[in-house]
């Protein structure tokens, strides 16, 4: 399957935004909530960081991969 450079760049940018957003959220969680609140948000942050890494890797592979040329 071929991916355009525009889509690959979008995936890399989206991954960078997701990583920044969820790490910022993790640092901005205020004290005073029940433990379940932190557990749920910790799981959300972890899942979204993994998703961001996967999207970033797919995007980078799309940017780096060059089209195959037939051997003549």
PDB file of N, CA and C in Angstrom:
ATOM      1  N   UNK A   1       0.837  -1.172   0.000  1.00  0.00           N
ATOM      2  CA  UNK A   1       0.000   0.000   0.000  1.00  0.00           C
ATOM      3  C   UNK A   1       0.886   1.241   0.000  1.00  0.00           C
ATOM      4  N   UNK A   2       0.584   2.191  -0.830  1.00  0.00           N
ATOM      5  CA  UNK A   2       1.348   3.425  -0.949  1.00  0.00           C
ATOM      6  C   UNK A   2       0.682   4.523  -0.119  1.00  0.00           C
ATOM      7  N   UNK A   3       1.521   5.385   0.456  1.00  0.00           N
ATOM      8  CA  UNK A   3       1.017   6.504   1.239  1.00  0.00           C
ATOM      9  C   UNK A   3       1.643   7.776   0.680  1.00  0.00           C
ATOM     10  N   UNK A   4       0.827   8.794   0.520  1.00  0.00           N
ATOM     11  CA  UNK A   4       1.366  10.054   0.008  1.00  0.00           C
ATOM     12  C   UNK A   4       2.202  10.726   1.089  1.00  0.00           C
ATOM     13  N   UNK A   5       3.108  11.591   0.661  1.00  0.00           N
ATOM     14  CA  UNK A   5       3.943  12.316   1.618  1.00  0.00           C
ATOM     15  C   UNK A   5       3.102  13.254   2.476  1.00  0.00           C
ATOM     16  N   UNK A   6       2.014  13.750   1.917  1.00  0.00           N
ATOM     17  CA  UNK A   6       1.135  14.649   2.668  1.00  0.00           C
ATOM     18  C   UNK A   6       0.482  13.910   3.839  1.00  0.00           C
ATOM     19  N   UNK A   7      -0.012  12.719   3.585  1.00  0.00           N
ATOM     20  CA  UNK A   7      -0.635  11.906   4.640  1.00  0.00           C
ATOM     21  C   UNK A   7       0.408  11.495   5.676  1.00  0.00           C
ATOM     22  N   UNK A   8       1.593  11.100   5.213  1.00  0.00           N
ATOM     23  CA  UNK A   8       2.660  10.704   6.134  1.00  0.00           C
ATOM     24  C   UNK A   8       3.053  11.875   7.028  1.00  0.00           C
ATOM     25  N   UNK A   9       3.164  13.055   6.456  1.00  0.00           N
ATOM     26  CA  UNK A   9       3.491  14.240   7.251  1.00  0.00           C
ATOM     27  C   UNK A   9       2.403  14.565   8.258  1.00  0.00           C
ATOM     28  N   UNK A  10       1.155  14.393   7.838  1.00  0.00           N
ATOM     29  CA  UNK A  10       0.028  14.615   8.755  1.00  0.00           C
ATOM     30  C   UNK A  10       0.104  13.652   9.939  1.00  0.00           C
ATOM     31  N   UNK A  11       0.419  12.385   9.686  1.00  0.00           N
ATOM     32  CA  UNK A  11       0.506  11.401  10.769  1.00  0.00           C
ATOM     33  C   UNK A  11       1.629  11.746  11.745  1.00  0.00           C
ATOM     34  N   UNK A  12       2.749  12.203  11.227  1.00  0.00           N
ATOM     35  CA  UNK A  12       3.859  12.589  12.101  1.00  0.00           C
ATOM     36  C   UNK A  12       3.470  13.809  12.942  1.00  0.00           C
ATOM     37  N   UNK A  13       2.845  14.796  12.315  1.00  0.00           N
ATOM     38  CA  UNK A  13       2.409  15.987  13.051  1.00  0.00           C
ATOM     39  C   UNK A  13       1.358  15.633  14.104  1.00  0.00           C
ATOM     40  N   UNK A  14       0.423  14.762  13.754  1.00  0.00           N
ATOM     41  CA  UNK A  14      -0.600  14.328  14.702  1.00  0.00           C
ATOM     42  C   UNK A  14       0.028  13.604  15.884  1.00  0.00           C
ATOM     43  N   UNK A  15       0.996  12.742  15.614  1.00  0.00           N
ATOM     44  CA  UNK A  15       1.666  12.014  16.687  1.00  0.00           C
ATOM     45  C   UNK A  15       2.396  12.974  17.622  1.00  0.00           C
ATOM     46  N   UNK A  16       3.076  13.966  17.052  1.00  0.00           N
ATOM     47  CA  UNK A  16       3.791  14.942  17.883  1.00  0.00           C
ATOM     48  C   UNK A  16       2.806  15.730  18.750  1.00  0.00           C
ATOM     49  N   UNK A  17       1.693  16.128  18.162  1.00  0.00           N
ATOM     50  CA  UNK A  17       0.677  16.864  18.922  1.00  0.00           C
ATOM     51  C   UNK A  17       0.109  16.007  20.046  1.00  0.00           C
ATOM     52  N   UNK A  18      -0.194  14.743  19.750  1.00  0.00           N
ATOM     53  CA  UNK A  18      -0.762  13.856  20.773  1.00  0.00           C
ATOM     54  C   UNK A  18       0.211  13.651  21.926  1.00  0.00           C
ATOM     55  N   UNK A  19       1.480  13.458  21.617  1.00  0.00           N
ATOM     56  CA  UNK A  19       2.470  13.257  22.674  1.00  0.00           C
ATOM     57  C   UNK A  19       2.555  14.504  23.552  1.00  0.00           C
ATOM     58  N   UNK A  20       2.645  15.678  22.924  1.00  0.00           N
ATOM     59  CA  UNK A  20       2.708  16.928  23.682  1.00  0.00           C
ATOM     60  C   UNK A  20       1.452  17.116  24.534  1.00  0.00           C
ATOM     61  N   UNK A  21       0.295  16.887  23.925  1.00  0.00           N
ATOM     62  CA  UNK A  21      -0.978  17.115  24.623  1.00  0.00           C
ATOM     63  C   UNK A  21      -1.135  16.211  25.843  1.00  0.00           C
ATOM     64  N   UNK A  22      -0.881  14.915  25.682  1.00  0.00           N
ATOM     65  CA  UNK A  22      -1.132  13.987  26.781  1.00  0.00           C
ATOM     66  C   UNK A  22      -0.081  14.075  27.875  1.00  0.00           C
ATOM     67  N   UNK A  23       1.164  14.408  27.510  1.00  0.00           N
ATOM     68  CA  UNK A  23       2.172  14.607  28.550  1.00  0.00           C
ATOM     69  C   UNK A  23       1.839  15.869  29.343  1.00  0.00           C
ATOM     70  N   UNK A  24       1.399  16.915  28.655  1.00  0.00           N
ATOM     71  CA  UNK A  24       0.988  18.140  29.352  1.00  0.00           C
ATOM     72  C   UNK A  24      -0.180  17.859  30.289  1.00  0.00           C
ATOM     73  N   UNK A  25      -1.150  17.091  29.835  1.00  0.00           N
ATOM     74  CA  UNK A  25      -2.281  16.744  30.688  1.00  0.00           C
ATOM     75  C   UNK A  25      -1.813  15.981  31.915  1.00  0.00           C
ATOM     76  N   UNK A  26      -0.889  15.063  31.724  1.00  0.00           N
ATOM     77  CA  UNK A  26      -0.385  14.290  32.853  1.00  0.00           C
ATOM     78  C   UNK A  26       0.264  15.158  33.916  1.00  0.00           C
ATOM     79  N   UNK A  27       1.016  16.175  33.490  1.00  0.00           N
ATOM     80  CA  UNK A  27       1.651  17.070  34.455  1.00  0.00           C
ATOM     81  C   UNK A  27       0.656  18.048  35.074  1.00  0.00           C
ATOM     82  N   UNK A  28      -0.450  18.308  34.405  1.00  0.00           N
ATOM     83  CA  UNK A  28      -1.406  19.300  34.895  1.00  0.00           C
ATOM     84  C   UNK A  28      -2.526  18.719  35.751  1.00  0.00           C
ATOM     85  N   UNK A  29      -2.530  17.418  35.970  1.00  0.00           N
ATOM     86  CA  UNK A  29      -3.557  16.838  36.837  1.00  0.00           C
ATOM     87  C   UNK A  29      -3.340  17.344  38.261  1.00  0.00           C
ATOM     88  N   UNK A  30      -4.365  17.962  38.819  1.00  0.00           N
ATOM     89  CA  UNK A  30      -4.261  18.546  40.157  1.00  0.00           C
ATOM     90  C   UNK A  30      -4.515  17.486  41.231  1.00  0.00           C
ATOM     91  N   UNK A  31      -3.988  17.743  42.398  1.00  0.00           N
ATOM     92  CA  UNK A  31      -4.218  16.843  43.527  1.00  0.00           C
ATOM     93  C   UNK A  31      -5.641  17.018  44.041  1.00  0.00           C
ATOM     94  N   UNK A  32      -6.089  16.067  44.837  1.00  0.00           N
ATOM     95  CA  UNK A  32      -7.384  16.187  45.482  1.00  0.00           C
ATOM     96  C   UNK A  32      -8.472  15.342  44.853  1.00  0.00           C
ATOM     97  N   UNK A  33      -8.130  14.552  43.854  1.00  0.00           N
ATOM     98  CA  UNK A  33      -9.127  13.676  43.241  1.00  0.00           C
ATOM     99  C   UNK A  33      -9.000  12.280  43.839  1.00  0.00           C
ATOM    100  N   UNK A  34     -10.067  11.496  43.726  1.00  0.00           N
ATOM    101  CA  UNK A  34      -9.968  10.108  44.191  1.00  0.00           C
ATOM    102  C   UNK A  34      -8.960   9.320  43.354  1.00  0.00           C
ATOM    103  N   UNK A  35      -8.477   8.233  43.911  1.00  0.00           N
ATOM    104  CA  UNK A  35      -7.476   7.407  43.234  1.00  0.00           C
ATOM    105  C   UNK A  35      -7.974   6.904  41.889  1.00  0.00           C
ATOM    106  N   UNK A  36      -9.239   6.570  41.779  1.00  0.00           N
ATOM    107  CA  UNK A  36      -9.785   6.053  40.521  1.00  0.00           C
ATOM    108  C   UNK A  36      -9.627   7.070  39.396  1.00  0.00           C
ATOM    109  N   UNK A  37      -9.735   8.336  39.713  1.00  0.00           N
ATOM    110  CA  UNK A  37      -9.561   9.391  38.715  1.00  0.00           C
ATOM    111  C   UNK A  37      -8.169   9.316  38.107  1.00  0.00           C
ATOM    112  N   UNK A  38      -7.159   9.154  38.943  1.00  0.00           N
ATOM    113  CA  UNK A  38      -5.776   9.086  38.463  1.00  0.00           C
ATOM    114  C   UNK A  38      -5.508   7.795  37.703  1.00  0.00           C
ATOM    115  N   UNK A  39      -6.109   6.707  38.145  1.00  0.00           N
ATOM    116  CA  UNK A  39      -5.929   5.437  37.445  1.00  0.00           C
ATOM    117  C   UNK A  39      -6.512   5.530  36.038  1.00  0.00           C
ATOM    118  N   UNK A  40      -7.727   6.032  35.925  1.00  0.00           N
ATOM    119  CA  UNK A  40      -8.384   6.141  34.614  1.00  0.00           C
ATOM    120  C   UNK A  40      -7.592   7.078  33.703  1.00  0.00           C
ATOM    121  N   UNK A  41      -7.189   8.222  34.211  1.00  0.00           N
ATOM    122  CA  UNK A  41      -6.441   9.162  33.377  1.00  0.00           C
ATOM    123  C   UNK A  41      -5.049   8.632  33.042  1.00  0.00           C
ATOM    124  N   UNK A  42      -4.450   7.891  33.958  1.00  0.00           N
ATOM    125  CA  UNK A  42      -3.166   7.257  33.656  1.00  0.00           C
ATOM    126  C   UNK A  42      -3.281   6.254  32.525  1.00  0.00           C
ATOM    127  N   UNK A  43      -4.369   5.469  32.543  1.00  0.00           N
ATOM    128  CA  UNK A  43      -4.601   4.504  31.462  1.00  0.00           C
ATOM    129  C   UNK A  43      -4.863   5.233  30.149  1.00  0.00           C
ATOM    130  N   UNK A  44      -5.665   6.284  30.183  1.00  0.00           N
ATOM    131  CA  UNK A  44      -5.922   7.076  28.964  1.00  0.00           C
ATOM    132  C   UNK A  44      -4.633   7.661  28.400  1.00  0.00           C
ATOM    133  N   UNK A  45      -3.797   8.189  29.265  1.00  0.00           N
ATOM    134  CA  UNK A  45      -2.538   8.770  28.808  1.00  0.00           C
ATOM    135  C   UNK A  45      -1.654   7.697  28.196  1.00  0.00           C
ATOM    136  N   UNK A  46      -1.540   6.552  28.851  1.00  0.00           N
ATOM    137  CA  UNK A  46      -0.681   5.477  28.343  1.00  0.00           C
ATOM    138  C   UNK A  46      -1.167   4.969  26.989  1.00  0.00           C
ATOM    139  N   UNK A  47      -2.464   4.741  26.855  1.00  0.00           N
ATOM    140  CA  UNK A  47      -3.012   4.236  25.592  1.00  0.00           C
ATOM    141  C   UNK A  47      -2.807   5.253  24.472  1.00  0.00           C
ATOM    142  N   UNK A  48      -3.044   6.520  24.758  1.00  0.00           N
ATOM    143  CA  UNK A  48      -2.885   7.542  23.729  1.00  0.00           C
ATOM    144  C   UNK A  48      -1.428   7.766  23.362  1.00  0.00           C
ATOM    145  N   UNK A  49      -0.496   7.614  24.294  1.00  0.00           N
ATOM    146  CA  UNK A  49       0.917   7.717  23.950  1.00  0.00           C
ATOM    147  C   UNK A  49       1.354   6.560  23.064  1.00  0.00           C
ATOM    148  N   UNK A  50       0.860   5.357  23.359  1.00  0.00           N
ATOM    149  CA  UNK A  50       1.178   4.211  22.499  1.00  0.00           C
ATOM    150  C   UNK A  50       0.600   4.429  21.098  1.00  0.00           C
ATOM    151  N   UNK A  51      -0.626   4.911  21.024  1.00  0.00           N
ATOM    152  CA  UNK A  51      -1.245   5.199  19.733  1.00  0.00           C
ATOM    153  C   UNK A  51      -0.451   6.262  18.974  1.00  0.00           C
ATOM    154  N   UNK A  52       0.009   7.286  19.667  1.00  0.00           N
ATOM    155  CA  UNK A  52       0.799   8.340  19.031  1.00  0.00           C
ATOM    156  C   UNK A  52       2.115   7.790  18.493  1.00  0.00           C
ATOM    157  N   UNK A  53       2.744   6.912  19.252  1.00  0.00           N
ATOM    158  CA  UNK A  53       4.003   6.314  18.786  1.00  0.00           C
ATOM    159  C   UNK A  53       3.766   5.469  17.548  1.00  0.00           C
ATOM    160  N   UNK A  54       2.701   4.687  17.543  1.00  0.00           N
ATOM    161  CA  UNK A  54       2.377   3.858  16.375  1.00  0.00           C
ATOM    162  C   UNK A  54       2.111   4.731  15.152  1.00  0.00           C
ATOM    163  N   UNK A  55       1.312   5.788  15.315  1.00  0.00           N
ATOM    164  CA  UNK A  55       1.032   6.684  14.194  1.00  0.00           C
ATOM    165  C   UNK A  55       2.298   7.380  13.713  1.00  0.00           C
ATOM    166  N   UNK A  56       3.156   7.768  14.647  1.00  0.00           N
ATOM    167  CA  UNK A  56       4.409   8.407  14.274  1.00  0.00           C
ATOM    168  C   UNK A  56       5.322   7.481  13.489  1.00  0.00           C
ATOM    169  N   UNK A  57       5.401   6.230  13.903  1.00  0.00           N
ATOM    170  CA  UNK A  57       6.239   5.265  13.187  1.00  0.00           C
ATOM    171  C   UNK A  57       5.690   5.024  11.780  1.00  0.00           C
ATOM    172  N   UNK A  58       4.380   4.881  11.662  1.00  0.00           N
ATOM    173  CA  UNK A  58       3.772   4.695  10.339  1.00  0.00           C
ATOM    174  C   UNK A  58       4.045   5.913   9.463  1.00  0.00           C
ATOM    175  N   UNK A  59       3.884   7.107  10.021  1.00  0.00           N
ATOM    176  CA  UNK A  59       4.140   8.322   9.262  1.00  0.00           C
ATOM    177  C   UNK A  59       5.593   8.448   8.842  1.00  0.00           C
ATOM    178  N   UNK A  60       6.523   8.149   9.751  1.00  0.00           N
ATOM    179  CA  UNK A  60       7.940   8.223   9.410  1.00  0.00           C
ATOM    180  C   UNK A  60       8.314   7.207   8.346  1.00  0.00           C
ATOM    181  N   UNK A  61       7.757   6.013   8.434  1.00  0.00           N
ATOM    182  CA  UNK A  61       8.025   5.014   7.399  1.00  0.00           C
ATOM    183  C   UNK A  61       7.493   5.469   6.050  1.00  0.00           C
ATOM    184  N   UNK A  62       6.355   6.166   6.064  1.00  0.00           N
ATOM    185  CA  UNK A  62       5.806   6.696   4.822  1.00  0.00           C
ATOM    186  C   UNK A  62       6.645   7.817   4.245  1.00  0.00           C
ATOM    187  N   UNK A  63       7.265   8.627   5.118  1.00  0.00           N
ATOM    188  CA  UNK A  63       8.119   9.718   4.639  1.00  0.00           C
ATOM    189  C   UNK A  63       9.456   9.206   4.118  1.00  0.00           C
ATOM    190  N   UNK A  64      10.002   8.207   4.785  1.00  0.00           N
ATOM    191  CA  UNK A  64      11.336   7.727   4.442  1.00  0.00           C
ATOM    192  C   UNK A  64      11.310   6.767   3.258  1.00  0.00           C
ATOM    193  N   UNK A  65      10.276   5.971   3.151  1.00  0.00           N
ATOM    194  CA  UNK A  65      10.220   4.950   2.112  1.00  0.00           C
ATOM    195  C   UNK A  65      10.158   5.585   0.729  1.00  0.00           C
ATOM    196  N   UNK A  66      11.010   5.099  -0.123  1.00  0.00           N
ATOM    197  CA  UNK A  66      11.040   5.579  -1.488  1.00  0.00           C
ATOM    198  C   UNK A  66      10.342   4.568  -2.387  1.00  0.00           C
ATOM    199  N   UNK A  67       9.721   5.034  -3.454  1.00  0.00           N
ATOM    200  CA  UNK A  67       9.062   4.088  -4.334  1.00  0.00           C
ATOM    201  C   UNK A  67      10.061   3.123  -4.964  1.00  0.00           C
ATOM    202  N   UNK A  68       9.633   1.895  -5.073  1.00  0.00           N
ATOM    203  CA  UNK A  68      10.492   0.876  -5.661  1.00  0.00           C
ATOM    204  C   UNK A  68      10.552   1.062  -7.164  1.00  0.00           C
ATOM    205  N   UNK A  69      11.764   0.964  -7.677  1.00  0.00           N
ATOM    206  CA  UNK A  69      11.951   1.076  -9.125  1.00  0.00           C
ATOM    207  C   UNK A  69      12.233  -0.308  -9.686  1.00  0.00           C
ATOM    208  N   UNK A  70      11.670  -0.612 -10.824  1.00  0.00           N
ATOM    209  CA  UNK A  70      11.945  -1.916 -11.414  1.00  0.00           C
ATOM    210  C   UNK A  70      13.385  -2.003 -11.885  1.00  0.00           C
ATOM    211  N   UNK A  71      13.975  -3.167 -11.680  1.00  0.00           N
ATOM    212  CA  UNK A  71      15.351  -3.371 -12.146  1.00  0.00           C
ATOM    213  C   UNK A  71      15.340  -3.571 -13.645  1.00  0.00           C
ATOM    214  N   UNK A  72      16.171  -2.832 -14.337  1.00  0.00           N
ATOM    215  CA  UNK A  72      16.215  -2.926 -15.807  1.00  0.00           C
ATOM    216  C   UNK A  72      17.457  -3.633 -16.249  1.00  0.00           C
TER     217      UNK A  72
END
